[in-house]
Amino acid sequence: MIADQDATAAAGRPLGAVSTLISLFLLLLVFFIVLFSVAQIHREKANQVLVSVDQAFGGIPSKIGLIAHPAPDALEATPEGFARAISALVTGFASLEASGRPAPNDSLFEIDLPPPQLFDGATVKLVPAAAGSLDRLAVLLQQRRRGQHYRLTLRAVVPAGADQALAADRVASIAASLFAKGCPADALTIGVETGPEPLMRLDFALVGKPEESE
């Protein structure tokens, strides 16, 4: 007994000090477990706050990395909420005006953008603000709603007789980026069509057969 106490004292750690350190360690461990549990409980509320802050500033905080790209909330899963989220996302780098005409083919809504608002000159490179919106767009397109999902049909509109190669490369580049960022394969289609003026046309639709309510 005397030998054990001498050895502990020689090590510079009396038995009482060791017990106190262990107790403090356990208290800190319990404290962080409680904090983690509280964080888990309020994660949904925290995400809602992040979404609100991000949208209030046009998505700029998440685009420049100040906050993580927030997950969509329950409201954004509705067609109305989805349309508002997409509109807020696009107005972060381009101006929008209502056309007054209904979206074709049972689409939710359609957005036409002149290529200079999206691309850097005659290249496939997106302007920084547009490129920064792809993460959020990919997340929004991941949503499922009662057996249905949202789909973006991205088409490059090219005047008759114009070179379609650049337009095709542009839509293919955007598609590749969206897929790399987690956009589901069934949530995106691309194409090139003929029209009176060059445009990038974003056509959003809710597709699939809705599940019957229980």
Protein backbone atom coordinates (compact mmCIF):
# COMPACT_ATOMS: atom_id res chain seq x y z
CA MET A 1 0.00 0.00 0.00
CA ILE A 2 2.79 2.41 0.95
CA ALA A 3 4.72 1.38 -2.17
CA ASP A 4 1.72 2.14 -4.44
CA GLN A 5 1.20 5.58 -2.91
CA ASP A 6 4.93 6.33 -3.20
CA ALA A 7 4.93 5.30 -6.88
CA THR A 8 1.92 7.48 -7.63
CA ALA A 9 3.37 10.43 -5.78
CA ALA A 10 6.68 9.94 -7.53
CA ALA A 11 4.88 10.19 -10.85
CA GLY A 12 3.57 13.57 -9.76
CA ARG A 13 -0.10 12.49 -9.83
CA PRO A 14 -1.62 11.81 -6.42
CA LEU A 15 -4.62 9.51 -6.42
CA GLY A 16 -6.99 12.37 -5.60
CA ALA A 17 -5.86 14.40 -8.62
CA VAL A 18 -6.31 11.44 -10.99
CA SER A 19 -9.86 10.86 -9.74
CA THR A 20 -10.68 14.55 -10.23
CA LEU A 21 -9.34 14.49 -13.81
CA ILE A 22 -11.40 11.41 -14.64
CA SER A 23 -14.53 13.02 -13.18
CA LEU A 24 -13.98 16.20 -15.17
CA PHE A 25 -13.43 14.20 -18.33
CA LEU A 26 -16.69 12.29 -17.82
CA LEU A 27 -18.60 15.51 -17.12
CA LEU A 28 -17.27 17.08 -20.32
CA LEU A 29 -18.19 13.94 -22.25
CA VAL A 30 -21.76 14.04 -20.95
CA PHE A 31 -21.94 17.78 -21.71
CA PHE A 32 -20.98 17.28 -25.37
CA ILE A 33 -23.37 14.33 -25.70
CA VAL A 34 -26.21 16.56 -24.48
CA LEU A 35 -25.17 19.32 -26.92
CA PHE A 36 -25.11 16.83 -29.79
CA SER A 37 -28.57 15.54 -28.84
CA VAL A 38 -29.99 19.06 -28.74
CA ALA A 39 -28.40 19.82 -32.12
CA GLN A 40 -30.01 16.71 -33.60
CA ILE A 41 -33.44 17.70 -32.26
CA HIS A 42 -33.26 21.23 -33.66
CA ARG A 43 -31.49 20.43 -36.93
CA GLU A 44 -34.70 20.83 -38.95
CA LYS A 45 -35.33 24.26 -37.41
CA ALA A 46 -31.72 25.23 -38.06
CA ASN A 47 -32.08 24.20 -41.72
CA GLN A 48 -35.23 26.31 -42.01
CA VAL A 49 -33.37 29.32 -40.66
CA LEU A 50 -30.48 28.75 -43.08
CA VAL A 51 -32.88 28.47 -46.02
CA SER A 52 -34.61 31.71 -45.02
CA VAL A 53 -31.35 33.61 -44.60
CA ASP A 54 -29.94 32.25 -47.85
CA GLN A 55 -33.07 33.12 -49.85
CA ALA A 56 -33.34 36.56 -48.25
CA PHE A 57 -29.94 37.41 -49.74
CA GLY A 58 -30.63 35.78 -53.11
CA GLY A 59 -28.58 32.67 -52.31
CA ILE A 60 -25.36 34.69 -52.09
CA PRO A 61 -24.23 33.35 -48.65
CA SER A 62 -24.25 29.74 -49.87
CA LYS A 63 -22.76 30.66 -53.25
CA ILE A 64 -19.68 32.25 -51.69
CA GLY A 65 -19.32 29.57 -49.02
CA LEU A 66 -20.38 31.51 -45.93
CA ILE A 67 -22.95 28.82 -45.14
CA ALA A 68 -23.48 25.33 -46.47
CA HIS A 69 -26.06 24.89 -49.19
CA PRO A 70 -29.19 24.28 -47.11
CA ALA A 71 -31.45 21.35 -47.81
CA PRO A 72 -34.92 22.14 -49.12
CA ASP A 73 -37.61 22.50 -46.48
CA ALA A 74 -41.10 21.03 -46.57
CA LEU A 75 -42.53 24.12 -48.27
CA GLU A 76 -40.10 23.83 -51.17
CA ALA A 77 -41.42 20.33 -51.86
CA THR A 78 -44.76 21.83 -52.92
CA PRO A 79 -45.08 23.09 -56.51
CA GLU A 80 -45.55 26.67 -55.30
CA GLY A 81 -42.56 26.50 -52.98
CA PHE A 82 -40.43 24.85 -55.65
CA ALA A 83 -41.30 27.58 -58.15
CA ARG A 84 -40.40 30.31 -55.64
CA ALA A 85 -37.11 28.62 -54.77
CA ILE A 86 -36.11 28.29 -58.42
CA SER A 87 -37.13 31.88 -59.17
CA ALA A 88 -35.09 33.17 -56.23
CA LEU A 89 -32.15 31.08 -57.42
CA VAL A 90 -32.25 32.41 -61.00
CA THR A 91 -32.77 36.05 -59.99
CA GLY A 92 -29.46 35.79 -58.18
CA PHE A 93 -27.71 36.13 -61.56
CA ALA A 94 -30.40 37.12 -64.11
CA SER A 95 -33.45 39.37 -64.27
CA LEU A 96 -36.84 37.73 -64.75
CA GLU A 97 -40.05 39.10 -66.24
CA ALA A 98 -43.43 37.38 -66.49
CA SER A 99 -44.31 36.56 -70.09
CA GLY A 100 -48.04 36.23 -69.57
CA ARG A 101 -48.28 33.03 -71.57
CA PRO A 102 -48.90 29.59 -70.00
CA ALA A 103 -46.07 27.10 -69.77
CA PRO A 104 -46.36 24.43 -72.50
CA ASN A 105 -46.95 20.71 -72.17
CA ASP A 106 -48.34 20.80 -68.63
CA SER A 107 -45.12 22.26 -67.28
CA LEU A 108 -45.09 24.11 -63.99
CA PHE A 109 -43.20 27.06 -65.43
CA GLU A 110 -40.65 27.95 -68.08
CA ILE A 111 -37.71 30.35 -67.93
CA ASP A 112 -35.99 31.76 -71.03
CA LEU A 113 -32.55 33.33 -70.56
CA PRO A 114 -30.30 35.01 -73.14
CA PRO A 115 -26.98 33.12 -73.32
CA PRO A 116 -24.90 36.18 -72.22
CA GLN A 117 -26.64 36.05 -68.82
CA LEU A 118 -25.32 32.53 -68.34
CA PHE A 119 -22.07 32.16 -70.25
CA ASP A 120 -18.76 33.95 -70.39
CA GLY A 121 -18.56 35.09 -74.01
CA ALA A 122 -18.77 32.50 -76.78
CA THR A 123 -17.68 29.66 -74.47
CA VAL A 124 -19.25 26.88 -72.44
CA LYS A 125 -17.97 28.46 -69.20
CA LEU A 126 -20.74 29.75 -66.94
CA VAL A 127 -20.44 33.17 -65.34
CA PRO A 128 -19.49 32.78 -61.63
CA ALA A 129 -22.95 33.61 -60.24
CA ALA A 130 -24.66 31.10 -62.54
CA ALA A 131 -22.06 28.42 -61.82
CA GLY A 132 -22.56 28.96 -58.09
CA SER A 133 -26.27 28.23 -58.40
CA LEU A 134 -25.81 24.69 -59.75
CA ASP A 135 -25.26 23.16 -56.29
CA ARG A 136 -28.56 24.49 -55.02
CA LEU A 137 -30.37 23.56 -58.25
CA ALA A 138 -29.12 19.97 -58.00
CA VAL A 139 -30.42 19.77 -54.41
CA LEU A 140 -33.85 21.12 -55.38
CA LEU A 141 -34.13 18.56 -58.19
CA GLN A 142 -33.53 15.72 -55.71
CA GLN A 143 -36.92 16.22 -54.09
CA ARG A 144 -39.69 13.64 -54.29
CA ARG A 145 -43.34 14.44 -53.58
CA ARG A 146 -45.89 11.65 -53.08
CA GLY A 147 -44.56 9.46 -55.86
CA GLN A 148 -43.76 12.40 -58.13
CA HIS A 149 -40.53 14.26 -58.81
CA TYR A 150 -39.45 17.49 -60.44
CA ARG A 151 -37.77 17.47 -63.82
CA LEU A 152 -35.82 20.15 -65.65
CA THR A 153 -35.81 20.08 -69.44
CA LEU A 154 -32.88 22.23 -70.51
CA ARG A 155 -32.89 23.25 -74.18
CA ALA A 156 -30.69 25.56 -76.19
CA VAL A 157 -32.77 27.53 -78.69
CA VAL A 158 -30.80 28.29 -81.87
CA PRO A 159 -31.93 30.35 -84.91
CA ALA A 160 -32.32 28.41 -88.15
CA GLY A 161 -29.07 28.10 -90.05
CA ALA A 162 -26.90 28.97 -87.02
CA ASP A 163 -24.16 26.67 -85.74
CA GLN A 164 -25.64 24.32 -83.14
CA ALA A 165 -22.32 22.89 -81.94
CA LEU A 166 -21.70 25.52 -79.25
CA ALA A 167 -25.30 25.33 -78.03
CA ALA A 168 -25.10 21.54 -77.75
CA ASP A 169 -21.80 21.76 -75.88
CA ARG A 170 -23.30 24.28 -73.45
CA VAL A 171 -26.31 22.18 -72.44
CA ALA A 172 -24.09 19.09 -72.20
CA SER A 173 -21.67 20.96 -69.92
CA ILE A 174 -24.45 22.12 -67.59
CA ALA A 175 -25.92 18.62 -67.48
CA ALA A 176 -22.56 17.10 -66.61
CA SER A 177 -22.11 19.59 -63.76
CA LEU A 178 -25.59 18.97 -62.37
CA PHE A 179 -25.15 15.19 -62.45
CA ALA A 180 -21.78 15.54 -60.72
CA LYS A 181 -23.47 17.59 -57.98
CA GLY A 182 -26.11 14.95 -57.27
CA CYS A 183 -28.95 15.68 -59.68
CA PRO A 184 -30.91 12.41 -60.24
CA ALA A 185 -30.78 10.96 -63.74
CA ASP A 186 -34.58 11.15 -64.11
CA ALA A 187 -34.68 14.83 -63.08
CA LEU A 188 -32.92 16.29 -66.13
CA THR A 189 -33.25 16.11 -69.90
CA ILE A 190 -31.43 18.27 -72.46
CA GLY A 191 -31.79 19.17 -76.11
CA VAL A 192 -31.40 21.75 -78.87
CA GLU A 193 -34.29 23.29 -80.79
CA THR A 194 -34.81 25.92 -83.49
CA GLY A 195 -36.24 29.33 -82.61
CA PRO A 196 -36.24 32.97 -83.68
CA GLU A 197 -33.49 34.02 -81.25
CA PRO A 198 -30.77 32.31 -79.19
CA LEU A 199 -31.99 31.35 -75.73
CA MET A 200 -31.38 28.90 -72.94
CA ARG A 201 -34.81 27.51 -72.03
CA LEU A 202 -35.42 25.96 -68.60
CA ASP A 203 -38.68 24.04 -68.47
CA PHE A 204 -39.67 22.69 -65.03
CA ALA A 205 -42.35 20.02 -64.60
CA LEU A 206 -43.75 17.75 -61.90
CA VAL A 207 -43.83 14.24 -63.37
CA GLY A 208 -44.89 10.80 -62.24
CA LYS A 209 -48.09 9.30 -60.92
CA PRO A 210 -49.11 10.75 -57.53
CA GLU A 211 -49.59 8.25 -54.73
CA GLU A 212 -53.09 7.86 -53.32
CA SER A 213 -53.60 9.36 -49.87
CA GLU A 214 -54.19 6.83 -47.11
